[in-house]
C-alpha cells in the first residue's frame, strides 16, 4: 500500500492528537459597552485584545492531548541535566504526582522541553483552534459556560478550588478535537509575544513590554469579588479566545504547557521511510 497509506494516514505521535488543516474562527467581535471589566477593577476591557474576529488558515498539526506532566518533565531533566522545578524539592517530583501537570516552569523551560521532545510550543492560533474547533465555539466544550466542565475554582472563597489535578480528570470539558484541560487546571505558555491582532483598534502599553501570551485559565481563583461578580469574571476568562500575558521568566504554581508538532507532508513521510529502509 506504500504511498497510498502515507498520503493521509500518518499515525499521530504517542500522546498527541491531529488537528486537521483548514480555516477556523479566531478571536471575537464581542464588545463590552458598559466597561464592566474596568468597573470590576480589572486591567483591560473584556474582548478588546482578542478582537476583531477573523478566519485563520492552519495546515495539519499535532497537539498534546494533555498538559506536559511531572513525569514527562522529569525524564527530560534526567536526560539533559535541566534544573527541575523548585517545588519538587529535589531532582524528582513529589510522590503520587506523576500525572499532574508540571508547573513552576518559565517560558524558556517549556521551550527547552519542547525542543528536546522534537516538538515546540503552540502559536496562539494553533492553541485556539485546538480549543475551539473549526467553528469557533466559545468554550472548548461548547457555547454555554459550565463551571463544572473544567478544573476551575467555583467560589471567590476558594483560592485554589480543588487544587491542581491529574491531567484528563475533566473529559466533559474536552475540545471538539478531544484535547483535554485546555481551560482549567493550569494556564499554558504559547510561543508568541503579547501583541495586537490584525486590524485591532485597542492599544495597550503592555504591547511594548515583551510579555508572552498564556492561555486557558487555571484552577486558582481570580480575586476578591462578590459571588455574582466572581462568576462573571470566571465566565469571561474561561473563554477559549481569552488572552493573558506574563513575563517569560515567570514561574507560577498554576502555569504549565503543552506542545505541538507539524504533520509531515507526503514527501517528508515518503523520503523519511525510504531513508530508514536504506539504513540512513
Protein backbone atom coordinates (compact mmCIF):
# COMPACT_ATOMS: atom_id res chain seq x y z
CA UNK A 1 0.00 0.00 0.00
CA UNK A 2 3.08 2.24 0.36
CA UNK A 3 2.47 5.75 -0.90
CA UNK A 4 -1.31 5.49 -0.61
CA UNK A 5 -1.02 4.91 3.14
CA UNK A 6 1.43 7.76 3.51
CA UNK A 7 -0.76 10.20 1.60
CA UNK A 8 -3.02 10.87 4.55
CA UNK A 9 -2.68 8.14 7.13
CA UNK A 10 0.38 9.04 9.17
CA UNK A 11 -0.34 7.99 12.74
CA UNK A 12 -0.26 10.74 15.39
CA UNK A 13 2.80 10.62 17.65
CA UNK A 14 2.13 8.99 21.03
CA UNK A 15 0.06 11.21 23.29
CA UNK A 16 -0.82 13.66 20.51
CA UNK A 17 -3.97 14.35 18.50
CA UNK A 18 -4.32 15.50 14.91
CA UNK A 19 -5.81 18.95 14.37
CA UNK A 20 -6.95 18.91 10.73
CA UNK A 21 -5.90 21.76 8.48
CA UNK A 22 -8.29 24.42 7.28
CA UNK A 23 -9.83 27.73 8.26
CA UNK A 24 -11.17 28.40 11.73
CA UNK A 25 -12.68 31.34 13.59
CA UNK A 26 -10.16 33.11 15.85
CA UNK A 27 -10.85 35.95 18.26
CA UNK A 28 -14.19 37.65 18.83
CA UNK A 29 -16.30 40.60 17.69
CA UNK A 30 -18.00 40.95 21.07
CA UNK A 31 -17.69 44.25 22.90
CA UNK A 32 -18.10 45.45 26.49
CA UNK A 33 -20.14 48.65 26.01
CA UNK A 34 -20.67 49.14 29.75
CA UNK A 35 -16.96 48.68 30.54
CA UNK A 36 -17.82 46.01 33.07
CA UNK A 37 -14.27 44.67 33.29
CA UNK A 38 -12.81 48.06 34.17
CA UNK A 39 -15.65 48.73 36.61
CA UNK A 40 -14.74 45.49 38.39
CA UNK A 41 -11.16 46.69 38.73
CA UNK A 42 -9.62 44.51 36.02
CA UNK A 43 -6.79 45.87 33.91
CA UNK A 44 -8.27 45.63 30.42
CA UNK A 45 -11.74 45.68 28.83
CA UNK A 46 -13.40 42.39 28.01
CA UNK A 47 -12.73 41.19 24.45
CA UNK A 48 -10.59 44.21 23.47
CA UNK A 49 -7.27 42.46 22.85
CA UNK A 50 -8.97 39.42 21.26
CA UNK A 51 -10.71 41.37 18.51
CA UNK A 52 -11.53 41.59 15.72
CA UNK A 53 -12.70 38.10 14.86
CA UNK A 54 -11.12 36.67 11.74
CA UNK A 55 -10.70 33.46 9.79
CA UNK A 56 -7.26 31.92 10.05
CA UNK A 57 -5.90 29.08 7.93
CA UNK A 58 -3.63 26.50 9.52
CA UNK A 59 -2.20 23.33 7.99
CA UNK A 60 -2.50 19.98 9.75
CA UNK A 61 -0.64 19.76 13.05
CA UNK A 62 -0.49 17.58 16.15
CA UNK A 63 -1.03 18.76 19.73
CA UNK A 64 -0.53 17.03 23.06
CA UNK A 65 -3.82 15.65 24.31
CA UNK A 66 -2.82 16.58 27.85
CA UNK A 67 -0.59 19.13 29.51
CA UNK A 68 3.03 18.05 29.98
CA UNK A 69 3.24 16.15 33.27
CA UNK A 70 5.74 15.95 36.10
CA UNK A 71 6.80 12.53 34.84
CA UNK A 72 7.39 13.86 31.31
CA UNK A 73 9.44 16.76 32.62
CA UNK A 74 11.42 14.51 34.99
CA UNK A 75 12.54 12.33 32.07
CA UNK A 76 13.65 15.49 30.24
CA UNK A 77 15.57 16.78 33.28
CA UNK A 78 17.31 13.42 33.72
CA UNK A 79 18.24 13.26 30.04
CA UNK A 80 19.54 16.83 29.77
CA UNK A 81 20.56 17.81 33.32
CA UNK A 82 18.00 20.62 33.14
CA UNK A 83 17.21 22.20 36.50
CA UNK A 84 13.96 20.76 37.92
CA UNK A 85 11.12 22.96 39.20
CA UNK A 86 11.77 24.30 42.70
CA UNK A 87 8.55 22.86 44.17
CA UNK A 88 9.85 19.32 43.58
CA UNK A 89 12.24 19.89 46.47
CA UNK A 90 14.93 17.85 44.74
CA UNK A 91 15.62 16.02 41.48
CA UNK A 92 12.27 14.19 41.47
CA UNK A 93 8.65 15.32 41.73
CA UNK A 94 6.60 14.58 44.89
CA UNK A 95 5.22 11.09 45.35
CA UNK A 96 1.96 10.26 43.55
CA UNK A 97 2.17 13.33 41.30
CA UNK A 98 3.39 11.61 38.13
CA UNK A 99 0.32 12.63 36.12
CA UNK A 100 -0.08 16.16 37.44
CA UNK A 101 0.79 19.00 35.05
CA UNK A 102 4.31 20.26 35.62
CA UNK A 103 4.16 23.88 36.82
CA UNK A 104 6.63 26.49 38.10
CA UNK A 105 8.26 26.40 34.66
CA UNK A 106 9.27 29.51 32.74
CA UNK A 107 8.68 30.05 29.04
CA UNK A 108 12.30 29.06 28.47
CA UNK A 109 11.96 25.85 30.50
CA UNK A 110 8.90 24.92 28.46
CA UNK A 111 10.60 25.74 25.15
CA UNK A 112 13.65 23.69 26.11
CA UNK A 113 11.49 20.67 26.90
CA UNK A 114 9.60 21.03 23.63
CA UNK A 115 12.80 21.19 21.58
CA UNK A 116 14.21 18.15 23.37
CA UNK A 117 10.98 16.24 22.64
CA UNK A 118 11.12 17.10 18.92
CA UNK A 119 8.18 19.45 19.26
CA UNK A 120 7.59 23.14 20.01
CA UNK A 121 5.21 25.38 21.90
CA UNK A 122 1.97 26.20 20.05
CA UNK A 123 1.25 29.51 18.40
CA UNK A 124 -1.79 31.38 19.67
CA UNK A 125 -3.70 30.34 16.55
CA UNK A 126 -2.80 26.67 16.99
CA UNK A 127 -3.77 26.71 20.65
CA UNK A 128 -7.07 28.45 19.94
CA UNK A 129 -8.04 26.19 17.06
CA UNK A 130 -7.32 23.09 19.16
CA UNK A 131 -9.53 24.56 21.90
CA UNK A 132 -12.42 25.91 19.81
CA UNK A 133 -12.68 23.62 16.79
CA UNK A 134 -13.33 24.65 13.18
CA UNK A 135 -16.41 26.71 14.04
CA UNK A 136 -15.10 28.71 16.97
CA UNK A 137 -17.10 27.57 19.98
CA UNK A 138 -16.78 29.97 22.92
CA UNK A 139 -15.51 27.30 25.32
CA UNK A 140 -13.81 24.01 24.48
CA UNK A 141 -16.99 22.14 25.47
CA UNK A 142 -19.45 24.41 23.65
CA UNK A 143 -21.07 27.84 23.77
CA UNK A 144 -22.60 27.70 27.26
CA UNK A 145 -20.46 28.34 30.32
CA UNK A 146 -20.29 25.38 32.70
CA UNK A 147 -18.08 25.89 35.72
CA UNK A 148 -18.09 22.13 36.37
CA UNK A 149 -16.76 21.23 32.91
CA UNK A 150 -13.20 22.09 33.88
CA UNK A 151 -10.94 22.37 36.92
CA UNK A 152 -11.94 25.96 37.75
CA UNK A 153 -12.34 27.37 41.25
CA UNK A 154 -16.12 27.70 41.75
CA UNK A 155 -16.09 30.26 44.55
CA UNK A 156 -14.32 33.51 45.49
CA UNK A 157 -13.80 31.95 48.94
CA UNK A 158 -11.79 29.04 47.49
CA UNK A 159 -8.48 30.46 46.36
CA UNK A 160 -7.36 27.25 44.66
CA UNK A 161 -10.66 25.44 44.16
CA UNK A 162 -9.97 21.70 44.07
CA UNK A 163 -6.28 22.33 43.54
CA UNK A 164 -4.21 21.07 40.65
CA UNK A 165 -5.49 17.71 39.39
CA UNK A 166 -4.01 14.88 37.30
CA UNK A 167 -4.41 15.50 33.58
CA UNK A 168 -7.57 14.22 31.92
CA UNK A 169 -9.81 14.35 35.00
CA UNK A 170 -12.39 16.51 33.18
CA UNK A 171 -13.16 14.73 29.89
CA UNK A 172 -16.51 16.54 29.75
CA UNK A 173 -14.56 19.72 29.07
CA UNK A 174 -12.63 18.34 26.11
CA UNK A 175 -12.40 20.36 22.92
CA UNK A 176 -14.11 19.30 19.66
CA UNK A 177 -10.86 17.54 18.73
CA UNK A 178 -10.63 15.67 22.04
CA UNK A 179 -7.92 17.84 23.63
CA UNK A 180 -8.22 17.85 27.44
CA UNK A 181 -7.82 20.61 30.04
CA UNK A 182 -7.47 23.49 27.63
CA UNK A 183 -9.41 25.55 30.14
CA UNK A 184 -8.78 24.94 33.83
CA UNK A 185 -6.06 23.07 35.73
CA UNK A 186 -3.07 25.16 34.58
CA UNK A 187 -2.51 28.18 32.38
CA UNK A 188 -0.38 27.30 29.34
CA UNK A 189 2.54 29.03 27.66
CA UNK A 190 2.30 29.73 23.93
CA UNK A 191 5.03 30.78 21.52
CA UNK A 192 4.09 34.43 20.96
CA UNK A 193 4.66 37.85 22.39
CA UNK A 194 1.60 39.78 23.56
CA UNK A 195 0.78 41.98 20.58
CA UNK A 196 -2.32 43.44 18.86
CA UNK A 197 -4.31 41.34 16.43
CA UNK A 198 -4.52 42.47 12.79
CA UNK A 199 -6.88 45.44 12.37
CA UNK A 200 -7.29 45.83 16.14
CA UNK A 201 -8.12 49.31 17.42
CA UNK A 202 -7.19 48.51 21.02
CA UNK A 203 -3.89 49.84 22.32
CA UNK A 204 -2.08 48.68 25.44
CA UNK A 205 1.24 49.72 26.99
CA UNK A 206 1.86 46.02 27.59
CA UNK A 207 2.33 45.51 23.86
CA UNK A 208 5.77 47.14 24.20
CA UNK A 209 6.96 45.09 27.19
CA UNK A 210 7.96 41.79 25.51
CA UNK A 211 5.43 39.85 27.57
CA UNK A 212 4.44 36.35 26.42
CA UNK A 213 0.86 35.14 26.00
CA UNK A 214 -0.57 32.40 28.19
CA UNK A 215 -3.89 30.68 27.57
CA UNK A 216 -6.51 28.57 29.28
CA UNK A 217 -7.19 29.84 32.83
CA UNK A 218 -6.26 27.64 35.83
CA UNK A 219 -7.64 26.05 38.97
CA UNK A 220 -6.89 29.14 41.05
CA UNK A 221 -9.34 31.89 41.96
CA UNK A 222 -9.27 35.26 40.25
CA UNK A 223 -9.52 37.79 43.07
CA UNK A 224 -11.84 39.22 45.69
CA UNK A 225 -15.29 39.66 44.19
CA UNK A 226 -18.85 39.07 45.23
CA UNK A 227 -20.21 35.68 44.18
CA UNK A 228 -22.11 37.20 41.24
CA UNK A 229 -19.14 39.25 40.02
CA UNK A 230 -16.77 36.34 40.51
CA UNK A 231 -18.84 34.10 38.24
CA UNK A 232 -18.89 36.84 35.61
CA UNK A 233 -15.10 37.17 35.72
CA UNK A 234 -14.56 33.40 35.56
CA UNK A 235 -17.07 33.08 32.71
CA UNK A 236 -15.15 35.61 30.63
CA UNK A 237 -11.65 34.38 31.48
CA UNK A 238 -12.63 30.79 30.67
CA UNK A 239 -13.37 31.74 27.05
CA UNK A 240 -11.05 29.93 24.66
CA UNK A 241 -10.29 33.27 22.96
CA UNK A 242 -9.17 34.94 26.21
CA UNK A 243 -5.57 36.17 26.28
CA UNK A 244 -3.43 36.74 29.34
CA UNK A 245 0.18 37.95 29.36
CA UNK A 246 3.16 37.44 31.66
CA UNK A 247 6.92 37.89 31.88
CA UNK A 248 8.59 34.94 30.10
CA UNK A 249 10.88 34.36 33.12
CA UNK A 250 7.89 33.88 35.46
CA UNK A 251 7.44 30.55 37.21
CA UNK A 252 3.93 30.22 38.63
CA UNK A 253 2.24 27.49 40.66
CA UNK A 254 -0.63 27.35 38.15
CA UNK A 255 1.28 27.75 34.87
CA UNK A 256 2.34 24.82 32.67
CA UNK A 257 2.30 23.99 28.96
CA UNK A 258 1.64 21.53 26.17
CA UNK A 259 3.41 21.05 22.83
CA UNK A 260 2.64 20.80 19.14
CA UNK A 261 4.34 19.26 16.12
CA UNK A 262 3.82 19.76 12.40
CA UNK A 263 2.36 16.89 10.47
CA UNK A 264 4.79 15.58 7.88
CA UNK A 265 3.93 16.20 4.25
CA UNK A 266 3.53 13.23 1.95
CA UNK A 267 7.01 13.73 0.57
CA UNK A 268 8.62 14.13 4.00
CA UNK A 269 6.94 10.94 5.18
CA UNK A 270 7.84 9.06 1.99
CA UNK A 271 11.51 10.07 1.86
CA UNK A 272 11.88 9.50 5.61
CA UNK A 273 10.59 5.97 5.09
CA UNK A 274 12.96 5.40 2.17
CA UNK A 275 15.97 6.61 4.21
CA UNK A 276 15.02 4.25 7.02
CA UNK A 277 14.88 1.34 4.59
CA UNK A 278 18.30 2.29 3.27
CA UNK A 279 19.76 2.41 6.78
CA UNK A 280 20.48 6.17 6.60
